[in-house]
């Protein structure tokens, strides 16, 4: 992780699997829309959604059929657990389940009263007790370590705002 106290918007602050994490500035700042050369919408520059969509595009050559929406909108709350999310063309898993999340999964947080848009990032590492999250637009923090709990064979990332994760089929 690059540690620097005076990042400028658009400056690389970290990297995972060759995909840079850019500093956004203030959480609500926007810097224009980021699109691929063929016009696929990656999102608003240096927001969290832009990072996860850019990551999936660069690492997996993946384009979501519906490329718009806030972070919380990536996860379809109306789908059953382990369902195919057609809008995102990804498998979707709820946060309380028999299977651990995996590195490369897209973690999705629900909105809150202080952040109605939610948040998202890429799971970069999973152990028996922790999940590391790579994220963009989370201030000066590009990585976060979350507790992974298991009880009677049920895994939960210990944060009530996490809806679940999405994965390549």
C-alpha atoms as a PDB file:
ATOM      1  CA  UNK A   1       0.000   0.000   0.000  1.00  0.00           C
ATOM      2  CA  UNK A   2       1.290   3.438  -0.890  1.00  0.00           C
ATOM      3  CA  UNK A   3       1.280   5.671   2.177  1.00  0.00           C
ATOM      4  CA  UNK A   4       1.151   9.367   1.447  1.00  0.00           C
ATOM      5  CA  UNK A   5      -0.804  12.068   3.224  1.00  0.00           C
ATOM      6  CA  UNK A   6      -1.148  14.496   0.333  1.00  0.00           C
ATOM      7  CA  UNK A   7      -2.687  12.505  -2.534  1.00  0.00           C
ATOM      8  CA  UNK A   8      -4.252  14.505  -5.337  1.00  0.00           C
ATOM      9  CA  UNK A   9      -7.489  13.359  -7.052  1.00  0.00           C
ATOM     10  CA  UNK A  10      -6.706  10.867  -9.799  1.00  0.00           C
ATOM     11  CA  UNK A  11      -3.376   9.876  -8.241  1.00  0.00           C
ATOM     12  CA  UNK A  12      -2.657   6.145  -7.806  1.00  0.00           C
ATOM     13  CA  UNK A  13      -2.671   5.256  -4.111  1.00  0.00           C
ATOM     14  CA  UNK A  14      -2.541   1.441  -4.303  1.00  0.00           C
ATOM     15  CA  UNK A  15      -2.781  -1.442  -6.759  1.00  0.00           C
ATOM     16  CA  UNK A  16      -4.193  -4.973  -6.827  1.00  0.00           C
ATOM     17  CA  UNK A  17      -3.625  -7.484  -9.655  1.00  0.00           C
ATOM     18  CA  UNK A  18      -2.303  -4.662 -11.819  1.00  0.00           C
ATOM     19  CA  UNK A  19      -5.439  -2.529 -11.382  1.00  0.00           C
ATOM     20  CA  UNK A  20      -4.730   0.834  -9.733  1.00  0.00           C
ATOM     21  CA  UNK A  21      -6.776   2.327  -6.908  1.00  0.00           C
ATOM     22  CA  UNK A  22      -7.079   6.089  -7.435  1.00  0.00           C
ATOM     23  CA  UNK A  23      -7.520   8.780  -4.800  1.00  0.00           C
ATOM     24  CA  UNK A  24     -10.840  10.580  -5.202  1.00  0.00           C
ATOM     25  CA  UNK A  25     -10.516  13.537  -2.843  1.00  0.00           C
ATOM     26  CA  UNK A  26     -13.664  14.063  -0.808  1.00  0.00           C
ATOM     27  CA  UNK A  27     -16.109  11.158  -0.815  1.00  0.00           C
ATOM     28  CA  UNK A  28     -18.787  12.999  -2.818  1.00  0.00           C
ATOM     29  CA  UNK A  29     -16.347  14.482  -5.361  1.00  0.00           C
ATOM     30  CA  UNK A  30     -16.786  13.489  -8.993  1.00  0.00           C
ATOM     31  CA  UNK A  31     -14.295  13.933 -11.820  1.00  0.00           C
ATOM     32  CA  UNK A  32     -16.318  13.048 -14.908  1.00  0.00           C
ATOM     33  CA  UNK A  33     -17.431   9.723 -16.319  1.00  0.00           C
ATOM     34  CA  UNK A  34     -14.902   6.997 -17.131  1.00  0.00           C
ATOM     35  CA  UNK A  35     -15.631   4.895 -20.221  1.00  0.00           C
ATOM     36  CA  UNK A  36     -13.648   2.278 -22.115  1.00  0.00           C
ATOM     37  CA  UNK A  37     -12.526   3.082 -25.677  1.00  0.00           C
ATOM     38  CA  UNK A  38     -15.608   1.236 -27.019  1.00  0.00           C
ATOM     39  CA  UNK A  39     -17.961   3.308 -24.821  1.00  0.00           C
ATOM     40  CA  UNK A  40     -18.659   0.888 -21.942  1.00  0.00           C
ATOM     41  CA  UNK A  41     -19.524   2.882 -18.817  1.00  0.00           C
ATOM     42  CA  UNK A  42     -17.123   2.203 -15.933  1.00  0.00           C
ATOM     43  CA  UNK A  43     -18.713   4.891 -13.758  1.00  0.00           C
ATOM     44  CA  UNK A  44     -17.855   8.223 -12.212  1.00  0.00           C
ATOM     45  CA  UNK A  45     -14.107   8.622 -11.989  1.00  0.00           C
ATOM     46  CA  UNK A  46     -12.504   7.476  -8.790  1.00  0.00           C
ATOM     47  CA  UNK A  47     -15.745   6.443  -7.089  1.00  0.00           C
ATOM     48  CA  UNK A  48     -15.943   2.928  -5.589  1.00  0.00           C
ATOM     49  CA  UNK A  49     -18.193   1.556  -8.353  1.00  0.00           C
ATOM     50  CA  UNK A  50     -15.740   2.734 -11.016  1.00  0.00           C
ATOM     51  CA  UNK A  51     -12.958   0.735  -9.350  1.00  0.00           C
ATOM     52  CA  UNK A  52     -14.856  -2.565  -9.145  1.00  0.00           C
ATOM     53  CA  UNK A  53     -16.191  -2.288 -12.699  1.00  0.00           C
ATOM     54  CA  UNK A  54     -12.740  -1.325 -14.016  1.00  0.00           C
ATOM     55  CA  UNK A  55     -11.226  -4.240 -12.050  1.00  0.00           C
ATOM     56  CA  UNK A  56     -13.711  -6.753 -13.524  1.00  0.00           C
ATOM     57  CA  UNK A  57     -13.201  -5.283 -17.005  1.00  0.00           C
ATOM     58  CA  UNK A  58      -9.383  -5.416 -16.829  1.00  0.00           C
ATOM     59  CA  UNK A  59      -8.973  -8.719 -14.960  1.00  0.00           C
ATOM     60  CA  UNK A  60     -11.913 -10.735 -16.370  1.00  0.00           C
ATOM     61  CA  UNK A  61     -12.823  -8.793 -19.562  1.00  0.00           C
ATOM     62  CA  UNK A  62     -16.297  -8.495 -18.012  1.00  0.00           C
ATOM     63  CA  UNK A  63     -18.952  -5.943 -18.976  1.00  0.00           C
ATOM     64  CA  UNK A  64     -22.171  -5.660 -16.981  1.00  0.00           C
ATOM     65  CA  UNK A  65     -25.342  -5.636 -19.124  1.00  0.00           C
ATOM     66  CA  UNK A  66     -26.617  -2.777 -16.927  1.00  0.00           C
ATOM     67  CA  UNK A  67     -23.573  -0.596 -16.304  1.00  0.00           C
ATOM     68  CA  UNK A  68     -25.322   2.098 -14.257  1.00  0.00           C
ATOM     69  CA  UNK A  69     -26.291   2.433 -10.604  1.00  0.00           C
ATOM     70  CA  UNK A  70     -24.900   3.168  -7.186  1.00  0.00           C
ATOM     71  CA  UNK A  71     -22.833   0.659  -5.216  1.00  0.00           C
ATOM     72  CA  UNK A  72     -25.842  -0.808  -3.379  1.00  0.00           C
ATOM     73  CA  UNK A  73     -27.594  -1.303  -6.754  1.00  0.00           C
ATOM     74  CA  UNK A  74     -24.959  -3.835  -7.847  1.00  0.00           C
ATOM     75  CA  UNK A  75     -26.620  -6.344  -5.501  1.00  0.00           C
ATOM     76  CA  UNK A  76     -30.210  -7.369  -6.279  1.00  0.00           C
ATOM     77  CA  UNK A  77     -31.964  -7.842  -2.911  1.00  0.00           C
ATOM     78  CA  UNK A  78     -34.872  -9.624  -4.634  1.00  0.00           C
ATOM     79  CA  UNK A  79     -32.772 -12.588  -5.762  1.00  0.00           C
ATOM     80  CA  UNK A  80     -32.365 -15.790  -3.794  1.00  0.00           C
ATOM     81  CA  UNK A  81     -28.967 -16.706  -2.395  1.00  0.00           C
ATOM     82  CA  UNK A  82     -26.568 -18.101  -5.010  1.00  0.00           C
ATOM     83  CA  UNK A  83     -28.516 -16.697  -7.925  1.00  0.00           C
ATOM     84  CA  UNK A  84     -27.492 -15.282 -11.284  1.00  0.00           C
ATOM     85  CA  UNK A  85     -27.798 -11.489 -11.277  1.00  0.00           C
ATOM     86  CA  UNK A  86     -28.758 -10.804 -14.928  1.00  0.00           C
ATOM     87  CA  UNK A  87     -28.231  -7.034 -14.685  1.00  0.00           C
ATOM     88  CA  UNK A  88     -24.599  -7.608 -13.661  1.00  0.00           C
ATOM     89  CA  UNK A  89     -24.010 -11.007 -15.368  1.00  0.00           C
ATOM     90  CA  UNK A  90     -22.505 -12.296 -12.131  1.00  0.00           C
ATOM     91  CA  UNK A  91     -23.360 -14.892  -9.490  1.00  0.00           C
ATOM     92  CA  UNK A  92     -24.684 -13.313  -6.314  1.00  0.00           C
ATOM     93  CA  UNK A  93     -24.190 -14.584  -2.758  1.00  0.00           C
ATOM     94  CA  UNK A  94     -25.761 -13.298   0.451  1.00  0.00           C
ATOM     95  CA  UNK A  95     -23.503 -12.481   3.409  1.00  0.00           C
ATOM     96  CA  UNK A  96     -24.685 -15.368   5.611  1.00  0.00           C
ATOM     97  CA  UNK A  97     -23.911 -18.672   3.899  1.00  0.00           C
ATOM     98  CA  UNK A  98     -22.141 -22.068   3.917  1.00  0.00           C
ATOM     99  CA  UNK A  99     -19.354 -20.946   1.566  1.00  0.00           C
ATOM    100  CA  UNK A 100     -16.585 -18.422   2.236  1.00  0.00           C
ATOM    101  CA  UNK A 101     -16.170 -15.431  -0.056  1.00  0.00           C
ATOM    102  CA  UNK A 102     -13.207 -15.677  -2.449  1.00  0.00           C
ATOM    103  CA  UNK A 103     -10.449 -13.363  -3.579  1.00  0.00           C
ATOM    104  CA  UNK A 104     -11.741 -11.509  -6.641  1.00  0.00           C
ATOM    105  CA  UNK A 105     -15.327 -11.311  -5.395  1.00  0.00           C
ATOM    106  CA  UNK A 106     -17.028  -7.917  -5.488  1.00  0.00           C
ATOM    107  CA  UNK A 107     -18.256  -7.053  -1.968  1.00  0.00           C
ATOM    108  CA  UNK A 108     -21.363  -4.826  -1.746  1.00  0.00           C
ATOM    109  CA  UNK A 109     -22.552  -2.718   1.192  1.00  0.00           C
ATOM    110  CA  UNK A 110     -26.093  -1.416   1.525  1.00  0.00           C
ATOM    111  CA  UNK A 111     -26.833   2.276   1.844  1.00  0.00           C
ATOM    112  CA  UNK A 112     -27.161   3.949   5.236  1.00  0.00           C
ATOM    113  CA  UNK A 113     -28.639   7.230   6.457  1.00  0.00           C
ATOM    114  CA  UNK A 114     -25.186   8.831   6.212  1.00  0.00           C
ATOM    115  CA  UNK A 115     -24.345   7.161   2.859  1.00  0.00           C
ATOM    116  CA  UNK A 116     -27.473   6.291   0.857  1.00  0.00           C
ATOM    117  CA  UNK A 117     -25.397   5.026  -2.112  1.00  0.00           C
ATOM    118  CA  UNK A 118     -23.713   2.086  -0.388  1.00  0.00           C
ATOM    119  CA  UNK A 119     -20.111   1.053  -0.991  1.00  0.00           C
ATOM    120  CA  UNK A 120     -18.261  -1.648  -2.897  1.00  0.00           C
ATOM    121  CA  UNK A 121     -14.780  -3.085  -3.262  1.00  0.00           C
ATOM    122  CA  UNK A 122     -12.838  -6.134  -4.383  1.00  0.00           C
ATOM    123  CA  UNK A 123     -11.966  -8.915  -1.952  1.00  0.00           C
ATOM    124  CA  UNK A 124      -8.201  -9.288  -2.292  1.00  0.00           C
ATOM    125  CA  UNK A 125      -7.453 -11.893   0.381  1.00  0.00           C
ATOM    126  CA  UNK A 126      -9.428 -14.423   2.467  1.00  0.00           C
ATOM    127  CA  UNK A 127      -8.214 -16.388   5.486  1.00  0.00           C
ATOM    128  CA  UNK A 128     -10.137 -18.450   8.039  1.00  0.00           C
ATOM    129  CA  UNK A 129     -10.779 -15.308  10.118  1.00  0.00           C
ATOM    130  CA  UNK A 130     -10.354 -12.276   7.825  1.00  0.00           C
ATOM    131  CA  UNK A 131     -11.298 -10.770   4.506  1.00  0.00           C
ATOM    132  CA  UNK A 132      -9.189  -7.983   3.004  1.00  0.00           C
ATOM    133  CA  UNK A 133     -11.094  -5.462   0.906  1.00  0.00           C
ATOM    134  CA  UNK A 134      -9.498  -3.273  -1.787  1.00  0.00           C
ATOM    135  CA  UNK A 135     -11.535  -0.110  -2.270  1.00  0.00           C
ATOM    136  CA  UNK A 136     -11.570   3.277  -3.873  1.00  0.00           C
ATOM    137  CA  UNK A 137     -13.167   6.462  -2.546  1.00  0.00           C
ATOM    138  CA  UNK A 138     -12.808   5.542   1.099  1.00  0.00           C
ATOM    139  CA  UNK A 139     -10.686   8.527   2.046  1.00  0.00           C
ATOM    140  CA  UNK A 140      -6.983   7.724   2.289  1.00  0.00           C
ATOM    141  CA  UNK A 141      -7.665   4.061   3.065  1.00  0.00           C
ATOM    142  CA  UNK A 142      -7.397   1.689   0.091  1.00  0.00           C
ATOM    143  CA  UNK A 143      -7.474  -1.552   2.113  1.00  0.00           C
ATOM    144  CA  UNK A 144      -9.630  -2.684   4.982  1.00  0.00           C
ATOM    145  CA  UNK A 145      -9.509  -5.893   6.985  1.00  0.00           C
ATOM    146  CA  UNK A 146     -12.903  -7.308   7.927  1.00  0.00           C
ATOM    147  CA  UNK A 147     -13.629 -10.097  10.388  1.00  0.00           C
ATOM    148  CA  UNK A 148     -14.855 -13.367   8.887  1.00  0.00           C
ATOM    149  CA  UNK A 149     -16.870 -15.378  11.404  1.00  0.00           C
ATOM    150  CA  UNK A 150     -17.981 -18.986  11.147  1.00  0.00           C
ATOM    151  CA  UNK A 151     -20.625 -20.565  13.358  1.00  0.00           C
ATOM    152  CA  UNK A 152     -22.018 -24.060  12.712  1.00  0.00           C
ATOM    153  CA  UNK A 153     -20.561 -23.963   9.203  1.00  0.00           C
ATOM    154  CA  UNK A 154     -22.137 -20.591   8.337  1.00  0.00           C
ATOM    155  CA  UNK A 155     -19.747 -17.841   7.221  1.00  0.00           C
ATOM    156  CA  UNK A 156     -20.495 -14.171   7.822  1.00  0.00           C
ATOM    157  CA  UNK A 157     -18.416 -11.081   7.178  1.00  0.00           C
ATOM    158  CA  UNK A 158     -19.003  -9.263  10.455  1.00  0.00           C
ATOM    159  CA  UNK A 159     -20.649  -6.064   9.228  1.00  0.00           C
ATOM    160  CA  UNK A 160     -24.434  -5.738   9.149  1.00  0.00           C
ATOM    161  CA  UNK A 161     -24.305  -3.324   6.190  1.00  0.00           C
ATOM    162  CA  UNK A 162     -22.801  -5.939   3.861  1.00  0.00           C
ATOM    163  CA  UNK A 163     -25.424  -7.316   1.498  1.00  0.00           C
ATOM    164  CA  UNK A 164     -23.142  -9.956  -0.002  1.00  0.00           C
ATOM    165  CA  UNK A 165     -20.770 -10.487  -2.883  1.00  0.00           C
ATOM    166  CA  UNK A 166     -20.796 -11.030  -6.630  1.00  0.00           C
ATOM    167  CA  UNK A 167     -18.559 -13.444  -8.525  1.00  0.00           C
ATOM    168  CA  UNK A 168     -17.750 -14.446 -12.070  1.00  0.00           C
ATOM    169  CA  UNK A 169     -19.874 -17.484 -13.018  1.00  0.00           C
END
